[in-house]
Amino acid sequence: MTKFFTLLIIALFIQESAYNQVTITDLDPQVGDYFSLEGYESSLDPGSSGANVTWDFSALGVAENEIDYEVVLTDGLDGVANFPLSTKAWIASPDGLGDLIFYMGVENNAMLEYGSYFSIDGSTAEFNYSDPQKRYDSPLDYEDTGSDDIAGSLTAGGMELSVFTGDIVYDVDGYGTMIMPEGTYNNVLRVKTIQEELHDLSIMGVVQTTTLIGYSYFVEDYPLPVLIIEDSESYVFGELVDEFSSTTHLISYNGVPLNIEELTIDNSILIYPNPSTDHINIKMNYEGFADLKILNIDGKTVRSQLMQSNTKVNVADLIPGYYIVEILIDGQYFSRASFIRAQ
């Protein structure tokens, strides 16, 4: 009987360990980050849910478009007055079009989207959440769930086109290995999202219902999904009026292309003591010289110098507050972390 219970405890421990193999802690791109996404106007089979799954997307094909994004502060941006609670913005630059600005923020470890603003040739459009959309709670673990209510309006040229309400439910429904054209990613976490929206189309006097089902595949190295698969359907009076499928692939982050060689490098850095009043020690898994930058909360560089694997940096003259350490090797992004300069 003792042997039986010993084996049972071991089995339960192995099962519990399997449920916690992948944790995504960083879901918040920082001011100064920039990244590129490829878009496909078609959907992939998202594969199955569960533990230790292999998702094969090696035949992704050729993208229809590529869009560059930059994360900036909101000061002076078009439309910012209509998003007063936003603390940062993602600026997307589609080819041949004007900038699309996503107004974002973070609250209680959750990324929030307050809406978006688009301007081209003097015409403007605005998607404004009166009840912000919460993306995910951080950190994310296998079998985590979450939900959020949303509400807002769509205006164009100063005219309200629709008001909407809805809800979002997400479920971290799988983890495992993902095969992409550039290679294989291990320790991937998948989040399934179901978004239901009810749109009152003011200019048409009808109500449209939309359901969007999405799958986002995260790896620990990036605060954004490496792959997103989405399918949506819209109905008016019970009749299907629109359906759309898309796939989005993260192809580079801070100028570094996503590839397997890069993912096998330990890009982590350690900063201690943290918080600090006079100096910090920075350790990294690289023996050569690297460029060290310290940025303040506004994204401005307040200190820069060369460093090697273990470097002591004087921070006594910095104003107390939150700072970001960024490491570049041969001009290419390597890693970043944050510290607090205490009083």
Protein backbone atom coordinates (compact mmCIF):
# COMPACT_ATOMS: atom_id res chain seq x y z
CA MET A 1 0.00 0.00 0.00
CA THR A 2 2.88 2.36 0.76
CA LYS A 3 4.37 1.73 -2.68
CA PHE A 4 0.98 2.43 -4.30
CA PHE A 5 0.60 5.80 -2.57
CA THR A 6 4.21 6.69 -3.42
CA LEU A 7 3.56 6.02 -7.11
CA LEU A 8 0.29 7.96 -6.94
CA ILE A 9 2.01 11.00 -5.43
CA ILE A 10 4.72 10.83 -8.11
CA ALA A 11 2.08 10.59 -10.85
CA LEU A 12 0.16 13.56 -9.46
CA PHE A 13 3.37 15.57 -9.19
CA ILE A 14 4.27 14.80 -12.82
CA GLN A 15 0.77 15.77 -13.95
CA GLU A 16 0.85 19.03 -11.99
CA SER A 17 4.31 19.82 -13.36
CA ALA A 18 3.02 19.31 -16.90
CA TYR A 19 0.32 21.90 -16.33
CA ASN A 20 2.91 24.53 -15.43
CA GLN A 21 5.66 24.06 -17.98
CA VAL A 22 5.05 27.34 -19.82
CA THR A 23 4.42 30.72 -18.23
CA ILE A 24 4.26 33.99 -20.17
CA THR A 25 5.06 36.90 -17.88
CA ASP A 26 5.82 39.72 -20.32
CA LEU A 27 2.72 40.91 -22.21
CA ASP A 28 3.49 44.63 -22.35
CA PRO A 29 5.62 46.10 -25.19
CA GLN A 30 7.63 49.03 -23.84
CA VAL A 31 8.01 52.58 -25.14
CA GLY A 32 10.78 52.52 -27.75
CA ASP A 33 10.02 48.97 -28.94
CA TYR A 34 9.29 48.37 -32.62
CA PHE A 35 8.17 45.25 -34.44
CA SER A 36 6.87 43.97 -37.78
CA LEU A 37 3.88 41.77 -38.56
CA GLU A 38 3.05 39.87 -41.74
CA GLY A 39 -0.61 39.45 -42.66
CA TYR A 40 -2.40 36.70 -44.55
CA GLU A 41 -6.04 37.03 -45.66
CA SER A 42 -6.69 33.38 -44.96
CA SER A 43 -7.00 31.18 -41.93
CA LEU A 44 -5.06 28.15 -40.78
CA ASP A 45 -6.32 25.11 -38.94
CA PRO A 46 -5.42 26.12 -35.36
CA GLY A 47 -4.81 22.52 -34.32
CA SER A 48 -5.88 20.80 -31.13
CA SER A 49 -5.85 21.96 -27.52
CA GLY A 50 -4.19 20.25 -24.57
CA ALA A 51 -0.78 19.57 -23.07
CA ASN A 52 2.39 18.84 -25.09
CA VAL A 53 0.70 19.52 -28.42
CA THR A 54 2.62 19.98 -31.70
CA TRP A 55 1.19 22.66 -34.02
CA ASP A 56 2.57 22.44 -37.58
CA PHE A 57 2.33 25.73 -39.51
CA SER A 58 5.40 25.11 -41.68
CA ALA A 59 3.35 25.65 -44.87
CA LEU A 60 2.34 29.19 -43.94
CA GLY A 61 2.89 30.48 -47.46
CA VAL A 62 3.54 34.00 -48.77
CA ALA A 63 2.20 37.03 -46.88
CA GLU A 64 -0.15 39.56 -48.49
CA ASN A 65 1.21 42.49 -46.50
CA GLU A 66 3.71 43.62 -43.88
CA ILE A 67 3.06 46.34 -41.29
CA ASP A 68 5.61 48.01 -39.03
CA TYR A 69 4.69 49.12 -35.50
CA GLU A 70 6.36 51.45 -33.02
CA VAL A 71 5.51 51.88 -29.33
CA VAL A 72 5.56 55.55 -28.28
CA LEU A 73 4.27 57.94 -25.65
CA THR A 74 0.93 59.54 -26.43
CA ASP A 75 1.98 63.20 -26.10
CA GLY A 76 1.11 65.18 -29.22
CA LEU A 77 -0.44 62.30 -31.15
CA ASP A 78 -3.53 62.79 -33.29
CA GLY A 79 -6.74 62.04 -31.41
CA VAL A 80 -5.02 61.67 -28.05
CA ALA A 81 -7.53 63.99 -26.34
CA ASN A 82 -10.21 61.32 -26.85
CA PHE A 83 -8.16 58.69 -25.01
CA PRO A 84 -7.15 60.46 -21.78
CA LEU A 85 -6.43 57.27 -19.79
CA SER A 86 -4.02 55.85 -22.36
CA THR A 87 -0.34 55.85 -21.35
CA LYS A 88 1.27 54.62 -24.58
CA ALA A 89 0.40 54.06 -28.22
CA TRP A 90 1.19 51.55 -30.92
CA ILE A 91 1.60 53.30 -34.27
CA ALA A 92 1.04 51.06 -37.28
CA SER A 93 2.19 52.22 -40.72
CA PRO A 94 0.44 50.26 -43.50
CA ASP A 95 2.00 50.76 -46.94
CA GLY A 96 0.39 53.62 -48.86
CA LEU A 97 -1.93 54.61 -46.02
CA GLY A 98 -1.78 56.96 -43.07
CA ASP A 99 -0.83 55.98 -39.54
CA LEU A 100 -3.20 53.85 -37.49
CA ILE A 101 -2.77 54.62 -33.78
CA PHE A 102 -3.78 52.13 -31.10
CA TYR A 103 -4.12 53.76 -27.69
CA MET A 104 -3.02 51.36 -24.94
CA GLY A 105 -2.37 51.14 -21.21
CA VAL A 106 -1.79 48.73 -18.34
CA GLU A 107 -3.86 48.33 -15.19
CA ASN A 108 -3.61 45.62 -12.51
CA ASN A 109 -1.18 43.59 -14.67
CA ALA A 110 -3.61 43.59 -17.62
CA MET A 111 -3.02 45.23 -20.99
CA LEU A 112 -5.91 47.53 -21.95
CA GLU A 113 -6.88 48.93 -25.34
CA TYR A 114 -8.74 52.24 -25.19
CA GLY A 115 -9.38 52.48 -28.92
CA SER A 116 -7.79 53.48 -32.20
CA TYR A 117 -7.52 56.54 -34.43
CA PHE A 118 -6.93 56.67 -38.17
CA SER A 119 -6.31 59.64 -40.44
CA ILE A 120 -5.67 59.78 -44.20
CA ASP A 121 -5.96 62.70 -46.63
CA GLY A 122 -7.84 64.79 -44.08
CA SER A 123 -10.42 62.11 -43.26
CA THR A 124 -10.49 60.57 -39.80
CA ALA A 125 -12.04 57.52 -38.17
CA GLU A 126 -12.09 56.61 -34.49
CA PHE A 127 -12.87 53.42 -32.61
CA ASN A 128 -13.37 54.43 -28.98
CA TYR A 129 -13.96 52.03 -26.10
CA SER A 130 -16.08 53.60 -23.37
CA ASP A 131 -15.38 50.36 -21.49
CA PRO A 132 -11.77 49.49 -22.45
CA GLN A 133 -10.92 46.13 -23.93
CA LYS A 134 -8.72 44.03 -21.65
CA ARG A 135 -6.35 41.82 -23.61
CA TYR A 136 -5.02 39.34 -21.02
CA ASP A 137 -4.09 39.18 -17.37
CA SER A 138 -0.40 38.67 -16.69
CA PRO A 139 1.18 36.20 -16.14
CA LEU A 140 -0.44 33.58 -18.38
CA ASP A 141 -0.37 29.89 -17.45
CA TYR A 142 -1.91 26.80 -18.98
CA GLU A 143 -5.63 26.50 -18.11
CA ASP A 144 -5.93 30.16 -17.04
CA THR A 145 -9.21 31.82 -18.03
CA GLY A 146 -10.47 35.38 -18.12
CA SER A 147 -13.26 37.59 -19.41
CA ASP A 148 -14.11 41.22 -20.00
CA ASP A 149 -17.08 43.36 -21.05
CA ILE A 150 -16.57 45.96 -23.77
CA ALA A 151 -18.55 48.92 -25.08
CA GLY A 152 -17.87 51.84 -27.37
CA SER A 153 -18.56 53.57 -30.66
CA LEU A 154 -17.24 53.96 -34.20
CA THR A 155 -17.16 57.41 -35.78
CA ALA A 156 -15.91 58.63 -39.16
CA GLY A 157 -15.67 62.24 -40.29
CA GLY A 158 -17.30 63.29 -37.06
CA MET A 159 -20.39 61.11 -37.70
CA GLU A 160 -21.28 58.22 -35.39
CA LEU A 161 -21.63 55.10 -37.50
CA SER A 162 -22.34 52.56 -34.77
CA VAL A 163 -22.36 51.89 -31.06
CA PHE A 164 -21.46 48.47 -29.76
CA THR A 165 -21.43 46.27 -26.67
CA GLY A 166 -19.95 42.86 -26.17
CA ASP A 167 -17.80 40.52 -24.15
CA ILE A 168 -14.53 38.63 -24.52
CA VAL A 169 -13.71 35.26 -22.96
CA TYR A 170 -10.25 33.71 -23.16
CA ASP A 171 -8.92 30.30 -22.23
CA VAL A 172 -5.26 29.26 -22.18
CA ASP A 173 -6.10 25.95 -23.79
CA GLY A 174 -2.79 24.42 -24.81
CA TYR A 175 0.98 24.35 -24.72
CA GLY A 176 3.67 22.55 -26.66
CA THR A 177 5.76 22.93 -29.82
CA MET A 178 5.04 25.08 -32.88
CA ILE A 179 6.63 24.43 -36.28
CA MET A 180 6.96 27.55 -38.43
CA PRO A 181 8.65 28.17 -41.81
CA GLU A 182 11.67 29.64 -39.97
CA GLY A 183 11.99 26.66 -37.65
CA THR A 184 10.54 25.15 -34.48
CA TYR A 185 9.56 26.99 -31.30
CA ASN A 186 9.52 25.09 -28.03
CA ASN A 187 7.55 26.05 -24.91
CA VAL A 188 4.66 27.66 -26.78
CA LEU A 189 1.50 28.71 -24.93
CA ARG A 190 -1.81 29.03 -26.82
CA VAL A 191 -4.69 31.32 -25.87
CA LYS A 192 -8.16 30.85 -27.39
CA THR A 193 -10.37 33.94 -27.46
CA ILE A 194 -14.09 34.24 -28.23
CA GLN A 195 -15.37 37.78 -28.77
CA GLU A 196 -19.09 38.52 -29.17
CA GLU A 197 -20.17 42.00 -30.31
CA LEU A 198 -23.57 43.64 -30.89
CA HIS A 199 -23.41 46.67 -33.22
CA ASP A 200 -26.24 49.16 -33.57
CA LEU A 201 -25.55 50.55 -37.05
CA SER A 202 -26.84 54.10 -36.73
CA ILE A 203 -26.73 55.01 -40.42
CA MET A 204 -28.63 51.86 -41.46
CA GLY A 205 -30.97 51.43 -38.51
CA VAL A 206 -30.12 47.74 -38.13
CA VAL A 207 -28.34 45.60 -35.56
CA GLN A 208 -25.37 43.45 -36.53
CA THR A 209 -23.96 40.63 -34.42
CA THR A 210 -20.34 39.57 -34.84
CA THR A 211 -18.46 36.58 -33.43
CA LEU A 212 -14.68 36.43 -33.60
CA ILE A 213 -12.72 33.35 -32.60
CA GLY A 214 -8.97 33.76 -32.29
CA TYR A 215 -5.93 31.67 -31.35
CA SER A 216 -2.73 33.38 -30.16
CA TYR A 217 0.55 31.48 -29.81
CA PHE A 218 3.06 32.95 -27.33
CA VAL A 219 6.70 32.16 -26.61
CA GLU A 220 8.62 33.47 -23.61
CA ASP A 221 10.96 35.66 -25.67
CA TYR A 222 8.37 38.19 -26.88
CA PRO A 223 5.51 40.25 -25.33
CA LEU A 224 3.37 39.64 -28.44
CA PRO A 225 2.11 36.41 -30.01
CA VAL A 226 4.35 34.90 -32.66
CA LEU A 227 1.19 33.82 -34.53
CA ILE A 228 -2.49 34.83 -34.43
CA ILE A 229 -5.25 32.95 -36.29
CA GLU A 230 -8.69 34.61 -36.44
CA ASP A 231 -12.08 33.88 -38.00
CA SER A 232 -15.12 36.16 -37.76
CA GLU A 233 -18.75 36.06 -38.91
CA SER A 234 -21.32 38.88 -38.91
CA TYR A 235 -25.09 38.53 -39.12
CA VAL A 236 -28.02 40.91 -39.73
CA PHE A 237 -31.57 39.60 -39.20
CA GLY A 238 -30.08 36.14 -38.81
CA GLU A 239 -28.45 36.23 -42.25
CA LEU A 240 -24.71 35.98 -42.79
CA VAL A 241 -23.52 39.32 -44.24
CA ASP A 242 -19.76 39.09 -43.78
CA GLU A 243 -17.10 36.56 -42.89
CA PHE A 244 -13.38 37.10 -42.66
CA SER A 245 -10.31 35.02 -41.88
CA SER A 246 -6.80 36.21 -41.19
CA THR A 247 -3.43 35.03 -39.97
CA THR A 248 -0.80 37.35 -38.48
CA HIS A 249 2.87 36.41 -38.03
CA LEU A 250 5.36 38.33 -35.89
CA ILE A 251 8.53 38.39 -38.02
CA SER A 252 10.85 40.77 -36.14
CA TYR A 253 11.13 42.56 -32.81
CA ASN A 254 13.38 45.59 -32.20
CA GLY A 255 15.09 44.98 -35.52
CA VAL A 256 15.93 41.33 -34.83
CA PRO A 257 14.28 38.78 -37.17
CA LEU A 258 12.57 35.92 -35.39
CA ASN A 259 14.50 32.77 -36.05
CA ILE A 260 15.47 29.65 -34.21
CA GLU A 261 19.12 30.62 -33.84
CA GLU A 262 18.07 33.72 -31.95
CA LEU A 263 15.64 31.81 -29.76
CA THR A 264 18.31 29.36 -28.60
CA ILE A 265 20.38 32.19 -27.07
CA ASP A 266 19.80 32.98 -23.42
CA ASN A 267 18.95 36.67 -23.76
CA SER A 268 18.15 37.19 -20.08
CA ILE A 269 19.95 39.84 -18.02
CA LEU A 270 20.07 40.20 -14.25
CA ILE A 271 20.00 43.56 -12.46
CA TYR A 272 20.76 43.82 -8.74
CA PRO A 273 20.24 45.30 -6.23
CA ASN A 274 16.77 46.34 -7.38
CA PRO A 275 15.57 48.84 -6.16
CA SER A 276 18.91 50.64 -5.81
CA THR A 277 20.06 54.03 -4.52
CA ASP A 278 23.66 54.30 -5.73
CA HIS A 279 24.66 51.54 -8.18
CA ILE A 280 23.38 48.49 -10.04
CA ASN A 281 25.17 45.36 -11.23
CA ILE A 282 24.18 44.02 -14.66
CA LYS A 283 24.96 40.43 -15.64
CA MET A 284 24.31 38.95 -19.09
CA ASN A 285 25.00 35.68 -20.88
CA TYR A 286 27.49 37.16 -23.37
CA GLU A 287 31.25 37.47 -22.98
CA GLY A 288 32.02 40.15 -25.56
CA PHE A 289 31.41 43.89 -25.51
CA ALA A 290 27.88 45.27 -25.71
CA ASP A 291 26.26 48.70 -25.76
CA LEU A 292 24.37 49.53 -22.57
CA LYS A 293 21.62 52.16 -22.52
CA ILE A 294 19.52 53.33 -19.58
CA LEU A 295 16.20 54.92 -20.57
CA ASN A 296 13.82 56.87 -18.37
CA ILE A 297 10.04 56.39 -18.35
CA ASP A 298 9.74 58.84 -21.28
CA GLY A 299 11.94 56.61 -23.42
CA LYS A 300 14.88 59.04 -23.40
CA THR A 301 18.43 57.72 -23.01
CA VAL A 302 19.93 59.07 -19.76
CA ARG A 303 23.11 56.97 -19.77
CA SER A 304 25.06 54.90 -22.29
CA GLN A 305 28.33 52.99 -22.08
CA LEU A 306 30.10 49.80 -23.11
CA MET A 307 29.73 46.73 -20.92
CA GLN A 308 30.80 43.11 -20.73
CA SER A 309 29.27 40.09 -19.02
CA ASN A 310 29.25 41.66 -15.53
CA THR A 311 29.26 45.46 -15.16
CA LYS A 312 28.70 47.85 -12.26
CA VAL A 313 26.88 51.09 -13.18
CA ASN A 314 26.62 54.20 -11.02
CA VAL A 315 23.00 55.44 -10.82
CA ALA A 316 23.34 57.74 -7.80
CA ASP A 317 22.82 60.87 -9.91
CA LEU A 318 19.62 59.63 -11.56
CA ILE A 319 16.28 61.04 -10.45
CA PRO A 320 14.37 58.47 -8.33
CA GLY A 321 11.95 56.55 -10.51
CA TYR A 322 11.48 53.71 -13.01
CA TYR A 323 14.21 52.99 -15.61
CA ILE A 324 14.78 50.54 -18.47
CA VAL A 325 18.14 48.92 -19.24
CA GLU A 326 18.59 48.03 -22.91
CA ILE A 327 21.48 45.93 -24.27
CA LEU A 328 22.59 45.96 -27.92
CA ILE A 329 25.27 43.76 -29.51
CA ASP A 330 26.76 44.89 -32.83
CA GLY A 331 23.91 47.37 -33.12
CA GLN A 332 21.26 44.64 -32.76
CA TYR A 333 18.78 44.37 -29.89
CA PHE A 334 19.82 41.71 -27.34
CA SER A 335 17.72 42.17 -24.20
CA ARG A 336 16.12 44.61 -21.81
CA ALA A 337 15.05 44.75 -18.16
CA SER A 338 13.92 47.38 -15.69
CA PHE A 339 15.00 48.69 -12.31
CA ILE A 340 13.89 51.29 -9.80
CA ARG A 341 16.16 54.10 -8.57
CA ALA A 342 14.92 54.44 -5.00
CA GLN A 343 14.81 57.59 -2.88
